[in-house]
Amino acid sequence: MTTTSKSLAALRAAWEPLACRYCILALHHVELARWLCGVAMAALSLLAGCAALPGEVHRVASQARTDVEGSALARIAAASLPGLLGAAADVADVADVSDVSGVRLLPGGDQAFEARIALAQAARHTVDAQYYLVADDISGRQFLRELRDAADRGVRVRLLVDDLYTSGDDQLLAGLAAYGNVEVRVFNPLPVRSGGLRTRVLLSLHEIGRVNRRMHNKLFIADNSFAITGGRNIADEYFGRSKPANFIDMDALLAGPAVRALSASFDAFWNGALSYPFEAIASGGGTAPVQARERFAAIVRDLGRWVPLGDEHDELGRGPVGAQLAQGRVELVPAKVRVIADTVARGLSANDAGGSAEKAGPSQGREGAVMTANLHLLRTARSEVLVVSPYFVPMPRMIEALSHASREGARVSVMTNSLATTDEPLVHYGYARYRSALLQTGAMLYELMPASGPHPAWSVADGSRGSLGRLHAKLAVVDRRWFYVGSMNMDRRSAHCNTELGLIVESPALAGELAELIQRVRMPASFSVSEATAPRGGLQWSFLRDGRQWVLHREPESNWAQRLRWSVLSLVVAEDFL
C-alpha cells in the first residue's frame, strides 16, 4: 500500500478507458467536455444522496500521560539514556544534554514488528498508535489483539487510523472499540460509510477537496517512554510476511525528549476536529458492544501467539528489541532529534475542518512543514546527499535544492523504485519525465531491481517477476551527519495534500551507518540510470550480474504498449494526485 494516488488507484480500472476518451474529446471540444464534467459531478452528488458526516459529535479530549515514571518502560528508558549523555559530545551544537534523545534504526521488518509487539506487551499505562493503514491480515490482527490485551491489563489504548481503508462495518475496529480502556478514532472520514473502497470513493467525490487530504503519519508510543516512527504501516508486506512482494522500509525507535514531542503531535491529531470516534460514524448505528467484542475475539482467536525473536541480528548488527527490554536496557545511540509534523488540518478550509481554528496549515500547492524541513536540509549539503523515496515526483523546489547541493560540491544520489518493482506504475511515469532534468543537475539515479535479479533481455512477455522487494523507505542522508526518516515520500502528494510526520536527526554514527546500508546493500541491487552516449542517445539502465556489467536501452520489464499507456495517463492526471 502506498500514499500515492490512493483514491485514484481504487477507481483506475473503471475510469481509465473513459478518462482517455474524455481527454481526447476535451482537446477538440472544450465546452462540451466542461458540460459533461458538470453533468457527471451532478450525477455523483445525486448518487451520494444525503451522505454526510454527523454534525454534532461528542469527543472527549485526552492527553498523553506524564505520570509514568514508575512503569517498567520508563525505568528501562531511563537506564538506556544515562550512558548517552557522556557520548553527547559527538553531536554538534547541543547546548543542553536534555536535548539529546536515544535513537535506534529498525531496518528489518521482523524486528520492526517485534519491537511494536514487545512494547505493547510491556506497557502498563498507555499505548498510542497512529497509522494510515491497519490491514485486516495476520499482522494487523496480531497488532490489534495486542492492543486489546493491553487494554485488558488496564492500559489506556488510543488508536487513530486514516479512514480511507476503513469502513463503517469494519469488524476489527468496531470490535476493538467495544472493549473497555480502548478508544478508536478515524481521521477525515469519507461521507459514505458502507460498501467497498471503490464505491465509497466514487460516492464521496462531491467532497473531493476534503477527501483527498489523508493522514499518512505512522507512530507508536508506549507509556510515553518509547516511540517508533518511520515508513511502515501495519500490514504483512511491511514486515516481510507477505507473498509475493514485501516492502523494504525503515523505522526509528526512540527514547528521551523526542518521545514527548511525538506524543504532543499525536495529541494534536487525536483531539482535532477531523478525528471522529469510530462509534459516531459506524454504518447502521454500529453493532452492540457485546456482539462486537465476541466477533473480534472470534477473528483473532485462531492466530498463533507471537513468538519472540531469538538472538537474530538485523542488517546493522543489533539484536531484537524485546530481548533488550527483558534485560532492562535498550541499545540506543545519542542524537539531537527534531520532530517535524504537518498541521492537523493542513490545506483545509475552516468549514472543511469542522469550523475549527486549525486552518493555519499551508494551502494546497504549498509545502507542509515536513517537506519544507527536508528541502532546507538538502540545501545545507556540502559533501554528500543520499535521497531514498519509493515514489519520487520532484517539485521545482526539490530539483533546485538538489541542484544547489551539487553546485556546492556535494555528491548527490537519488534512489527510487524501478518500473519492475513499483506498485504504482502511474507514479513511476510521473517521475520518469524528470529523469533527464535530475541527471543534468549532476545527480546519480538508482532504481531498485527485483530481488530475483534482472535478465539482459528482461521483459514482461513471460509474466514472470518472481519474489519482489519493493522500496518503501523514506530517507535523506546529508554529509553523513544528518538524516531524515519518516512517513513522507519525496513527491507532490506528500508535500501538498497528506499530513506527514518525520524526524531530522543529527548523529554522525547513525547517519554513517545508514549511508553505508544504502550504498553497500541497496545501490548494488539497483539499476544505475544515465544518459546514453551518442549516437544512440536517450537513457540507459546499467546493472551487474555474475560479475559482468549489462546495459539496457529501454525501460526494464516493460513493453511499448505499457509504456505508452502509463506515460499518457501520467500526463493526464495532475501530479498532486500521483
Protein backbone atom coordinates (compact mmCIF):
# COMPACT_ATOMS: atom_id res chain seq x y z
CA MET A 1 0.00 0.00 0.00
CA THR A 2 1.20 3.49 -0.76
CA THR A 3 0.23 7.06 -0.20
CA THR A 4 0.28 7.79 -3.89
CA SER A 5 -2.93 8.10 -5.85
CA LYS A 6 -4.88 6.14 -3.26
CA SER A 7 -8.30 7.40 -4.18
CA LEU A 8 -7.48 7.16 -7.88
CA ALA A 9 -5.99 3.69 -7.61
CA ALA A 10 -9.27 2.25 -6.43
CA LEU A 11 -11.12 3.68 -9.43
CA ARG A 12 -8.46 3.23 -12.06
CA ALA A 13 -9.69 0.00 -13.59
CA ALA A 14 -13.13 1.52 -14.10
CA TRP A 15 -12.34 5.03 -15.25
CA GLU A 16 -9.11 4.76 -17.25
CA PRO A 17 -10.76 3.94 -20.62
CA LEU A 18 -13.38 6.64 -20.08
CA ALA A 19 -10.77 9.12 -18.92
CA CYS A 20 -8.67 8.62 -22.03
CA ARG A 21 -11.69 9.15 -24.30
CA TYR A 22 -12.71 12.18 -22.29
CA CYS A 23 -9.24 13.73 -22.60
CA ILE A 24 -9.24 13.22 -26.38
CA LEU A 25 -12.68 14.81 -26.53
CA ALA A 26 -11.54 17.71 -24.36
CA LEU A 27 -8.73 18.54 -26.77
CA HIS A 28 -11.26 19.19 -29.55
CA HIS A 29 -14.45 20.23 -27.75
CA VAL A 30 -13.56 22.13 -24.60
CA GLU A 31 -17.03 23.49 -23.83
CA LEU A 32 -18.69 20.12 -24.38
CA ALA A 33 -16.11 18.48 -22.11
CA ARG A 34 -16.84 21.02 -19.36
CA TRP A 35 -20.57 20.40 -19.69
CA LEU A 36 -20.10 16.62 -19.45
CA CYS A 37 -17.91 17.08 -16.38
CA GLY A 38 -20.64 19.15 -14.72
CA VAL A 39 -23.27 16.54 -15.52
CA ALA A 40 -21.06 13.78 -14.13
CA MET A 41 -20.47 15.64 -10.86
CA ALA A 42 -24.20 16.34 -10.51
CA ALA A 43 -24.97 12.66 -11.06
CA LEU A 44 -22.43 11.65 -8.44
CA SER A 45 -23.95 14.08 -5.98
CA LEU A 46 -27.39 12.54 -6.58
CA LEU A 47 -25.95 9.05 -6.17
CA ALA A 48 -24.37 10.10 -2.90
CA GLY A 49 -27.76 11.38 -1.79
CA CYS A 50 -27.61 12.85 1.68
CA ALA A 51 -24.31 11.18 2.55
CA ALA A 52 -22.62 13.45 5.03
CA LEU A 53 -20.72 13.27 8.27
CA PRO A 54 -22.61 13.79 11.52
CA GLY A 55 -22.77 17.43 12.53
CA GLU A 56 -22.72 17.01 16.30
CA VAL A 57 -20.04 14.63 17.51
CA HIS A 58 -19.15 14.13 21.15
CA ARG A 59 -15.40 13.96 21.62
CA VAL A 60 -13.67 13.65 24.96
CA ALA A 61 -10.30 15.36 24.83
CA SER A 62 -7.35 13.48 26.29
CA GLN A 63 -3.62 13.99 26.54
CA ALA A 64 -0.51 11.85 26.79
CA ARG A 65 0.08 10.81 30.37
CA THR A 66 3.18 12.15 32.09
CA ASP A 67 2.80 10.25 35.39
CA VAL A 68 4.50 7.14 34.06
CA GLU A 69 7.83 7.29 35.91
CA GLY A 70 7.03 4.14 37.83
CA SER A 71 6.39 1.97 34.79
CA ALA A 72 8.86 -0.66 33.69
CA LEU A 73 9.26 1.02 30.29
CA ALA A 74 10.03 4.37 31.90
CA ARG A 75 12.71 2.75 34.04
CA ILE A 76 14.19 0.95 31.03
CA ALA A 77 14.21 4.18 29.04
CA ALA A 78 15.99 5.97 31.89
CA ALA A 79 18.51 3.14 32.18
CA SER A 80 19.11 3.29 28.42
CA LEU A 81 19.78 7.04 28.39
CA PRO A 82 22.45 7.87 31.05
CA GLY A 83 25.27 6.35 29.02
CA LEU A 84 24.25 8.54 26.13
CA LEU A 85 24.93 11.78 27.92
CA GLY A 86 28.68 11.30 28.04
CA ALA A 87 28.65 10.49 24.34
CA ALA A 88 26.64 13.61 23.51
CA ALA A 89 29.85 15.45 22.66
CA ASP A 90 29.72 13.67 19.30
CA VAL A 91 26.60 15.67 18.49
CA ALA A 92 27.44 19.22 17.50
CA ASP A 93 25.72 22.30 18.91
CA VAL A 94 23.98 20.53 21.80
CA ALA A 95 23.66 23.27 24.37
CA ASP A 96 21.99 21.02 26.94
CA VAL A 97 22.15 17.26 27.35
CA SER A 98 18.39 17.36 27.88
CA ASP A 99 18.16 17.94 24.13
CA VAL A 100 19.69 14.51 23.46
CA SER A 101 17.46 11.53 22.72
CA GLY A 102 18.34 7.90 22.22
CA VAL A 103 17.74 6.52 18.72
CA ARG A 104 17.94 3.10 17.13
CA LEU A 105 17.24 2.34 13.45
CA LEU A 106 14.95 -0.59 12.60
CA PRO A 107 15.75 -1.72 9.03
CA GLY A 108 14.38 -5.26 9.31
CA GLY A 109 10.65 -5.89 9.03
CA ASP A 110 10.63 -8.78 11.51
CA GLN A 111 12.40 -6.76 14.19
CA ALA A 112 10.23 -3.70 13.50
CA PHE A 113 7.09 -5.76 14.13
CA GLU A 114 8.63 -7.49 17.15
CA ALA A 115 9.53 -4.10 18.65
CA ARG A 116 5.93 -2.92 18.48
CA ILE A 117 4.60 -6.13 19.99
CA ALA A 118 7.22 -6.14 22.77
CA LEU A 119 6.44 -2.53 23.68
CA ALA A 120 2.70 -3.18 23.69
CA GLN A 121 3.20 -6.15 25.99
CA ALA A 122 5.45 -4.18 28.33
CA ALA A 123 3.18 -1.10 28.54
CA ARG A 124 1.42 -0.52 31.85
CA HIS A 125 -0.16 2.92 31.41
CA THR A 126 -0.76 3.97 27.80
CA VAL A 127 -0.42 2.89 24.19
CA ASP A 128 -0.98 5.49 21.47
CA ALA A 129 -0.97 4.32 17.83
CA GLN A 130 -1.49 6.44 14.71
CA TYR A 131 -1.44 4.83 11.25
CA TYR A 132 -2.52 5.44 7.68
CA LEU A 133 -3.35 1.75 7.33
CA VAL A 134 -4.03 -1.15 9.68
CA ALA A 135 -4.75 -4.08 7.39
CA ASP A 136 -7.10 -6.99 8.01
CA ASP A 137 -4.33 -9.58 7.69
CA ILE A 138 -2.17 -11.62 10.08
CA SER A 139 -0.01 -8.67 11.12
CA GLY A 140 -2.97 -6.32 11.51
CA ARG A 141 -4.93 -8.82 13.57
CA GLN A 142 -1.96 -9.67 15.79
CA PHE A 143 -1.29 -5.98 16.34
CA LEU A 144 -4.90 -5.20 17.26
CA ARG A 145 -5.05 -8.26 19.52
CA GLU A 146 -2.04 -6.96 21.45
CA LEU A 147 -3.80 -3.62 21.87
CA ARG A 148 -6.88 -5.47 23.18
CA ASP A 149 -4.76 -7.49 25.60
CA ALA A 150 -3.04 -4.33 26.83
CA ALA A 151 -6.45 -2.77 27.47
CA ASP A 152 -7.49 -5.85 29.41
CA ARG A 153 -4.49 -5.22 31.69
CA GLY A 154 -5.78 -1.71 32.39
CA VAL A 155 -3.67 0.13 29.80
CA ARG A 156 -5.37 3.11 28.14
CA VAL A 157 -5.29 2.47 24.38
CA ARG A 158 -5.86 5.19 21.79
CA LEU A 159 -5.85 4.12 18.12
CA LEU A 160 -6.14 6.71 15.34
CA VAL A 161 -6.42 5.40 11.76
CA ASP A 162 -6.92 7.26 8.50
CA ASP A 163 -10.38 6.47 7.14
CA LEU A 164 -9.54 5.63 3.52
CA TYR A 165 -9.15 1.88 4.18
CA THR A 166 -11.72 1.56 6.93
CA SER A 167 -15.48 1.37 6.55
CA GLY A 168 -18.45 1.75 8.82
CA ASP A 169 -18.83 -2.01 9.24
CA ASP A 170 -15.16 -2.79 9.87
CA GLN A 171 -15.40 -5.69 12.31
CA LEU A 172 -11.88 -5.39 13.67
CA LEU A 173 -12.07 -1.70 14.53
CA ALA A 174 -15.66 -1.98 15.75
CA GLY A 175 -14.72 -4.90 17.98
CA LEU A 176 -11.63 -3.24 19.41
CA ALA A 177 -13.55 -0.03 20.08
CA ALA A 178 -16.10 -2.01 22.11
CA TYR A 179 -13.54 -3.01 24.76
CA GLY A 180 -13.02 -1.06 27.94
CA ASN A 181 -9.97 1.23 28.11
CA VAL A 182 -9.93 1.48 24.29
CA GLU A 183 -10.81 4.43 22.09
CA VAL A 184 -10.68 4.19 18.29
CA ARG A 185 -10.92 7.28 16.09
CA VAL A 186 -10.77 7.67 12.32
CA PHE A 187 -9.24 10.66 10.58
CA ASN A 188 -11.11 12.69 7.96
CA PRO A 189 -13.88 10.16 7.27
CA LEU A 190 -15.44 9.71 3.85
CA PRO A 191 -19.12 10.67 3.96
CA VAL A 192 -20.18 7.29 2.54
CA ARG A 193 -19.66 4.60 5.16
CA SER A 194 -20.85 1.35 3.60
CA GLY A 195 -19.54 -0.59 0.62
CA GLY A 196 -16.07 -1.24 -0.69
CA LEU A 197 -13.30 1.30 -1.21
CA ARG A 198 -14.19 1.93 -4.85
CA THR A 199 -17.83 2.62 -4.05
CA ARG A 200 -17.03 4.81 -1.07
CA VAL A 201 -14.58 6.95 -3.02
CA LEU A 202 -16.86 7.25 -6.06
CA LEU A 203 -19.81 8.38 -3.95
CA SER A 204 -17.64 10.82 -1.99
CA LEU A 205 -16.40 12.80 -5.00
CA HIS A 206 -18.77 15.64 -4.16
CA GLU A 207 -16.36 16.34 -1.27
CA ILE A 208 -13.16 15.53 -3.16
CA GLY A 209 -11.38 18.65 -1.89
CA ARG A 210 -11.60 17.36 1.67
CA VAL A 211 -11.47 13.63 0.95
CA ASN A 212 -8.18 13.99 -0.95
CA ARG A 213 -6.40 15.02 2.29
CA ARG A 214 -5.18 11.91 4.06
CA MET A 215 -3.30 11.32 7.31
CA HIS A 216 -0.15 9.47 6.26
CA ASN A 217 1.53 9.55 9.71
CA LYS A 218 2.95 6.40 11.32
CA LEU A 219 3.52 6.45 15.07
CA PHE A 220 3.52 4.04 18.01
CA ILE A 221 4.12 5.20 21.61
CA ALA A 222 4.22 3.06 24.75
CA ASP A 223 3.94 4.60 28.23
CA ASN A 224 5.16 7.92 26.78
CA SER A 225 8.63 6.37 27.19
CA PHE A 226 9.45 4.67 23.88
CA ALA A 227 8.21 5.55 20.39
CA ILE A 228 8.52 4.08 16.91
CA THR A 229 8.01 6.17 13.80
CA GLY A 230 9.04 5.85 10.17
CA GLY A 231 7.65 4.46 6.94
CA ARG A 232 5.79 1.31 8.00
CA ASN A 233 2.05 0.84 8.17
CA ILE A 234 0.58 -2.20 9.91
CA ALA A 235 0.28 -4.92 7.25
CA ASP A 236 2.08 -8.13 6.32
CA GLU A 237 4.03 -6.61 3.43
CA TYR A 238 5.74 -4.09 5.74
CA PHE A 239 7.14 -6.81 7.98
CA GLY A 240 8.43 -9.37 5.48
CA ARG A 241 5.42 -11.63 5.92
CA SER A 242 3.74 -11.34 2.51
CA LYS A 243 4.00 -13.19 -0.79
CA PRO A 244 4.98 -12.42 -3.46
CA ALA A 245 6.01 -8.84 -2.52
CA ASN A 246 7.36 -7.14 0.60
CA PHE A 247 8.36 -3.56 1.25
CA ILE A 248 11.93 -2.51 2.07
CA ASP A 249 11.40 0.09 4.77
CA MET A 250 12.90 1.90 7.74
CA ASP A 251 11.67 2.89 11.21
CA ALA A 252 13.34 4.53 14.19
CA LEU A 253 12.94 3.58 17.86
CA LEU A 254 13.35 6.49 20.28
CA ALA A 255 13.54 7.28 23.98
CA GLY A 256 14.03 10.65 25.64
CA PRO A 257 12.73 14.15 24.85
CA ALA A 258 11.78 13.26 21.26
CA VAL A 259 9.12 10.87 22.58
CA ARG A 260 7.34 13.69 24.39
CA ALA A 261 7.39 15.77 21.21
CA LEU A 262 5.88 12.85 19.28
CA SER A 263 3.19 12.48 21.95
CA ALA A 264 2.32 16.15 21.51
CA SER A 265 1.88 15.55 17.78
CA PHE A 266 -0.36 12.56 18.47
CA ASP A 267 -2.49 14.58 20.89
CA ALA A 268 -2.97 17.34 18.32
CA PHE A 269 -4.37 14.85 15.81
CA TRP A 270 -6.36 12.88 18.37
CA ASN A 271 -8.16 15.96 19.71
CA GLY A 272 -8.59 17.63 16.32
CA ALA A 273 -11.95 18.21 14.66
CA LEU A 274 -11.10 15.80 11.83
CA SER A 275 -10.74 12.79 14.16
CA TYR A 276 -14.11 11.08 14.70
CA PRO A 277 -14.89 8.43 17.32
CA PHE A 278 -15.48 5.20 15.43
CA GLU A 279 -18.90 4.70 17.02
CA ALA A 280 -20.08 8.11 15.78
CA ILE A 281 -19.68 7.19 12.11
CA ALA A 282 -20.26 3.42 12.14
CA SER A 283 -22.73 2.47 9.44
CA GLY A 284 -26.17 1.42 10.57
CA GLY A 285 -25.57 2.66 14.09
CA GLY A 286 -22.92 0.03 14.73
CA THR A 287 -23.13 -3.34 16.50
CA ALA A 288 -23.98 -3.93 20.14
CA PRO A 289 -20.77 -3.83 22.23
CA VAL A 290 -21.11 -7.42 23.46
CA GLN A 291 -21.60 -8.76 19.94
CA ALA A 292 -18.74 -6.59 18.60
CA ARG A 293 -16.36 -7.94 21.25
CA GLU A 294 -17.41 -11.52 20.58
CA ARG A 295 -16.88 -11.05 16.86
CA PHE A 296 -13.44 -9.50 17.42
CA ALA A 297 -12.45 -12.32 19.76
CA ALA A 298 -13.52 -14.89 17.18
CA ILE A 299 -11.46 -13.20 14.45
CA VAL A 300 -8.24 -13.15 16.48
CA ARG A 301 -8.76 -16.38 18.43
CA ASP A 302 -7.01 -18.72 16.00
CA LEU A 303 -3.97 -16.52 15.45
CA GLY A 304 -0.71 -18.05 16.50
CA ARG A 305 0.86 -16.40 19.52
CA TRP A 306 3.70 -14.07 18.73
CA VAL A 307 6.96 -15.92 19.27
CA PRO A 308 9.79 -13.57 20.34
CA LEU A 309 12.78 -13.48 18.05
CA GLY A 310 15.84 -15.33 19.26
CA ASP A 311 19.25 -13.76 19.07
CA GLU A 312 18.84 -12.83 15.39
CA HIS A 313 20.59 -9.62 14.40
CA ASP A 314 19.42 -7.12 11.80
CA GLU A 315 21.41 -5.65 8.91
CA LEU A 316 23.01 -3.16 11.32
CA GLY A 317 24.10 -5.89 13.74
CA ARG A 318 21.58 -5.25 16.52
CA GLY A 319 19.51 -7.82 18.36
CA PRO A 320 15.74 -7.86 18.96
CA VAL A 321 14.22 -5.03 21.00
CA GLY A 322 12.15 -7.44 23.10
CA ALA A 323 15.24 -9.23 24.38
CA GLN A 324 16.86 -5.92 25.29
CA LEU A 325 13.71 -4.78 27.11
CA ALA A 326 13.83 -8.00 29.10
CA GLN A 327 17.44 -7.23 30.05
CA GLY A 328 16.45 -3.76 31.28
CA ARG A 329 18.38 -1.68 28.76
CA VAL A 330 17.91 -0.92 25.07
CA GLU A 331 20.90 -0.22 22.84
CA LEU A 332 20.44 3.38 21.69
CA VAL A 333 22.67 5.99 20.03
CA PRO A 334 22.78 9.61 21.28
CA ALA A 335 21.36 12.11 18.83
CA LYS A 336 19.86 15.53 18.58
CA VAL A 337 16.35 14.88 17.24
CA ARG A 338 13.96 17.36 15.73
CA VAL A 339 10.37 16.12 15.43
CA ILE A 340 8.58 17.67 12.45
CA ALA A 341 4.86 17.24 11.85
CA ASP A 342 2.38 18.78 9.46
CA THR A 343 -0.60 20.55 10.99
CA VAL A 344 -3.75 18.55 11.58
CA ALA A 345 -5.99 20.30 9.04
CA ARG A 346 -3.38 21.47 6.55
CA GLY A 347 -4.85 22.66 3.30
CA LEU A 348 -8.46 22.57 4.52
CA SER A 349 -10.84 25.46 4.93
CA ALA A 350 -12.29 26.19 8.36
CA ASN A 351 -15.58 24.73 7.13
CA ASP A 352 -13.91 21.50 5.95
CA ALA A 353 -12.11 21.24 9.28
CA GLY A 354 -15.37 21.41 11.17
CA GLY A 355 -15.11 25.12 11.84
CA SER A 356 -12.02 24.68 13.99
CA ALA A 357 -9.17 27.11 14.29
CA GLU A 358 -6.79 24.53 12.78
CA LYS A 359 -6.77 26.27 9.42
CA ALA A 360 -3.32 27.75 9.73
CA GLY A 361 -1.66 24.95 7.78
CA PRO A 362 -0.35 25.51 4.27
CA SER A 363 -2.87 25.69 1.48
CA GLN A 364 -2.82 23.22 -1.38
CA GLY A 365 0.15 23.93 -3.63
CA ARG A 366 2.43 24.94 -0.74
CA GLU A 367 4.76 22.59 1.03
CA GLY A 368 3.96 21.43 4.54
CA ALA A 369 6.34 21.55 7.47
CA VAL A 370 7.90 18.14 6.80
CA MET A 371 8.71 18.84 3.15
CA THR A 372 9.93 22.35 3.97
CA ALA A 373 12.32 20.98 6.59
CA ASN A 374 13.64 18.39 4.14
CA LEU A 375 14.25 20.97 1.42
CA HIS A 376 16.18 23.09 3.89
CA LEU A 377 18.22 20.07 4.98
CA LEU A 378 19.16 19.23 1.38
CA ARG A 379 20.30 22.78 0.73
CA THR A 380 22.78 22.58 3.62
CA ALA A 381 24.73 19.73 2.00
CA ARG A 382 28.38 20.27 1.21
CA SER A 383 29.80 16.78 0.60
CA GLU A 384 27.09 14.15 0.10
CA VAL A 385 23.33 13.76 -0.34
CA LEU A 386 21.51 10.42 -0.40
CA VAL A 387 17.77 10.56 -1.06
CA VAL A 388 15.65 7.40 -0.86
CA SER A 389 11.97 7.59 -1.76
CA PRO A 390 9.70 4.90 -3.22
CA TYR A 391 7.60 7.48 -5.07
CA PHE A 392 9.68 10.37 -6.32
CA VAL A 393 7.88 13.07 -8.32
CA PRO A 394 10.07 16.11 -7.64
CA MET A 395 8.75 19.65 -7.46
CA PRO A 396 10.80 22.52 -8.90
CA ARG A 397 11.98 23.40 -5.38
CA MET A 398 13.19 19.83 -4.86
CA ILE A 399 15.14 19.86 -8.12
CA GLU A 400 16.57 23.26 -7.21
CA ALA A 401 17.63 22.02 -3.73
CA LEU A 402 19.42 19.02 -5.24
CA SER A 403 20.99 21.23 -7.90
CA HIS A 404 22.17 23.65 -5.20
CA ALA A 405 23.77 20.80 -3.25
CA SER A 406 25.52 19.62 -6.41
CA ARG A 407 26.82 23.11 -7.17
CA GLU A 408 28.21 23.30 -3.63
CA GLY A 409 30.27 20.21 -4.36
CA ALA A 410 28.04 17.53 -2.84
CA ARG A 411 27.76 14.13 -4.47
CA VAL A 412 24.01 13.70 -4.98
CA SER A 413 22.35 10.29 -5.31
CA VAL A 414 18.63 9.55 -5.60
CA MET A 415 17.20 6.07 -5.17
CA THR A 416 13.63 5.05 -6.02
CA ASN A 417 11.69 2.09 -7.39
CA SER A 418 12.07 0.90 -10.96
CA LEU A 419 9.03 0.13 -13.07
CA ALA A 420 9.80 -3.52 -12.30
CA THR A 421 9.41 -3.07 -8.53
CA THR A 422 6.93 -0.23 -8.08
CA ASP A 423 3.34 -0.90 -7.10
CA GLU A 424 2.34 2.43 -8.69
CA PRO A 425 3.28 2.46 -12.40
CA LEU A 426 1.40 5.73 -12.92
CA VAL A 427 3.56 7.44 -10.30
CA HIS A 428 6.69 5.94 -11.85
CA TYR A 429 5.94 7.67 -15.14
CA GLY A 430 5.27 10.88 -13.26
CA TYR A 431 8.84 10.54 -12.01
CA ALA A 432 10.21 9.35 -15.36
CA ARG A 433 9.61 12.69 -17.04
CA TYR A 434 12.09 14.29 -14.60
CA ARG A 435 14.93 11.80 -15.01
CA SER A 436 16.84 13.80 -17.61
CA ALA A 437 16.44 17.03 -15.62
CA LEU A 438 17.75 15.31 -12.49
CA LEU A 439 20.73 13.86 -14.34
CA GLN A 440 21.53 17.31 -15.71
CA THR A 441 21.85 18.63 -12.15
CA GLY A 442 24.64 16.13 -11.60
CA ALA A 443 22.55 13.71 -9.56
CA MET A 444 23.04 9.97 -9.90
CA LEU A 445 19.84 7.95 -10.23
CA TYR A 446 19.30 4.42 -8.92
CA GLU A 447 16.16 2.33 -9.45
CA LEU A 448 15.63 -0.79 -7.36
CA MET A 449 15.75 -4.11 -9.24
CA PRO A 450 13.58 -7.13 -8.39
CA ALA A 451 15.07 -9.41 -5.75
CA SER A 452 15.24 -12.26 -8.24
CA GLY A 453 17.65 -10.26 -10.36
CA PRO A 454 17.24 -8.90 -13.89
CA HIS A 455 17.90 -10.58 -17.18
CA PRO A 456 19.65 -8.74 -20.03
CA ALA A 457 16.60 -9.34 -22.22
CA TRP A 458 14.20 -8.58 -19.36
CA SER A 459 10.60 -8.32 -20.43
CA VAL A 460 7.10 -8.83 -19.08
CA ALA A 461 6.30 -11.06 -22.01
CA ASP A 462 6.56 -14.25 -19.93
CA GLY A 463 4.71 -12.68 -16.98
CA SER A 464 7.34 -13.93 -14.53
CA ARG A 465 8.56 -11.47 -11.92
CA GLY A 466 9.48 -13.71 -9.04
CA SER A 467 9.52 -12.51 -5.45
CA LEU A 468 9.65 -8.76 -5.28
CA GLY A 469 11.26 -6.42 -2.80
CA ARG A 470 9.64 -3.02 -3.17
CA LEU A 471 11.24 0.11 -1.82
CA HIS A 472 9.10 1.93 0.75
CA ALA A 473 11.66 3.65 3.00
CA LYS A 474 11.65 7.44 3.07
CA LEU A 475 15.14 8.71 3.87
CA ALA A 476 17.58 11.52 3.26
CA VAL A 477 21.19 11.50 4.49
CA VAL A 478 23.26 14.69 4.33
CA ASP A 479 27.04 14.87 4.79
CA ARG A 480 26.89 11.66 6.86
CA ARG A 481 25.91 13.79 9.86
CA TRP A 482 22.20 14.46 9.48
CA PHE A 483 19.39 12.28 8.22
CA TYR A 484 15.64 12.35 7.77
CA VAL A 485 13.39 9.34 8.41
CA GLY A 486 9.62 9.41 8.43
CA SER A 487 6.38 8.92 6.55
CA MET A 488 6.87 11.48 3.77
CA ASN A 489 7.57 10.48 0.20
CA MET A 490 9.52 12.97 -1.88
CA ASP A 491 6.54 13.74 -4.07
CA ARG A 492 3.85 16.35 -4.51
CA ARG A 493 1.09 14.42 -2.79
CA SER A 494 3.12 14.26 0.42
CA ALA A 495 4.16 17.89 0.01
CA HIS A 496 0.74 19.37 -0.71
CA CYS A 497 -2.07 17.02 0.34
CA ASN A 498 -1.18 14.49 3.02
CA THR A 499 -0.23 15.11 6.60
CA GLU A 500 3.19 13.66 7.35
CA LEU A 501 5.45 13.02 10.33
CA GLY A 502 9.21 12.67 10.47
CA LEU A 503 12.47 13.17 12.29
CA ILE A 504 15.58 15.13 11.39
CA VAL A 505 18.38 13.53 13.36
CA GLU A 506 21.91 14.78 13.95
CA SER A 507 24.18 11.83 14.62
CA PRO A 508 27.35 11.04 12.65
CA ALA A 509 27.21 7.45 13.91
CA LEU A 510 23.64 6.77 12.75
CA ALA A 511 23.90 8.82 9.56
CA GLY A 512 27.09 6.99 8.68
CA GLU A 513 25.65 3.50 9.16
CA LEU A 514 22.50 4.49 7.26
CA ALA A 515 24.60 5.78 4.35
CA GLU A 516 26.65 2.58 4.39
CA LEU A 517 23.49 0.47 4.34
CA ILE A 518 22.16 2.37 1.32
CA GLN A 519 25.44 2.26 -0.59
CA ARG A 520 26.58 -1.23 0.42
CA VAL A 521 23.28 -3.10 0.21
CA ARG A 522 20.65 -1.12 -1.67
CA MET A 523 22.51 0.57 -4.52
CA PRO A 524 24.29 -2.58 -5.80
CA ALA A 525 20.81 -4.13 -6.08
CA SER A 526 19.64 -1.25 -8.28
CA PHE A 527 19.80 -0.11 -11.88
CA SER A 528 22.09 2.84 -12.43
CA VAL A 529 20.30 5.23 -14.79
CA SER A 530 22.33 7.51 -17.05
CA GLU A 531 22.29 9.30 -20.39
CA ALA A 532 23.38 7.07 -23.26
CA THR A 533 26.24 8.32 -25.40
CA ALA A 534 25.84 9.45 -28.99
CA PRO A 535 24.66 8.37 -31.47
CA ARG A 536 22.09 6.30 -29.55
CA GLY A 537 21.10 8.98 -27.01
CA GLY A 538 18.26 8.62 -24.52
CA LEU A 539 18.54 6.81 -21.20
CA GLN A 540 20.22 3.56 -20.31
CA TRP A 541 19.97 1.20 -17.31
CA SER A 542 23.18 -0.47 -16.12
CA PHE A 543 23.47 -3.34 -13.65
CA LEU A 544 25.86 -6.07 -12.55
CA ARG A 545 25.10 -9.75 -12.93
CA ASP A 546 27.52 -12.63 -12.37
CA GLY A 547 30.40 -10.19 -12.24
CA ARG A 548 29.54 -8.69 -15.61
CA GLN A 549 28.00 -5.30 -16.35
CA TRP A 550 24.93 -5.21 -18.55
CA VAL A 551 23.27 -2.22 -20.17
CA LEU A 552 19.62 -1.94 -21.22
CA HIS A 553 18.40 0.78 -23.55
CA ARG A 554 14.72 0.62 -22.75
CA GLU A 555 12.66 0.66 -19.55
CA PRO A 556 13.31 -2.68 -17.79
CA GLU A 557 10.35 -5.03 -17.58
CA SER A 558 8.07 -3.19 -19.94
CA ASN A 559 6.70 -3.32 -23.46
CA TRP A 560 5.76 -0.50 -25.78
CA ALA A 561 2.03 -0.75 -25.03
CA GLN A 562 2.57 -0.41 -21.28
CA ARG A 563 5.00 2.45 -21.70
CA LEU A 564 2.55 4.30 -23.94
CA ARG A 565 -0.40 3.65 -21.63
CA TRP A 566 1.22 4.81 -18.41
CA SER A 567 3.12 7.73 -19.92
CA VAL A 568 -0.10 9.12 -21.45
CA LEU A 569 -2.05 8.65 -18.23
CA SER A 570 0.71 10.33 -16.23
CA LEU A 571 0.28 13.40 -18.41
CA VAL A 572 -3.48 13.43 -17.82
CA VAL A 573 -3.53 13.09 -14.02
CA ALA A 574 -2.39 16.13 -12.00
CA GLU A 575 0.87 15.46 -10.18
CA ASP A 576 -0.69 16.28 -6.78
CA PHE A 577 -2.87 13.19 -7.29
CA LEU A 578 0.02 10.84 -8.15
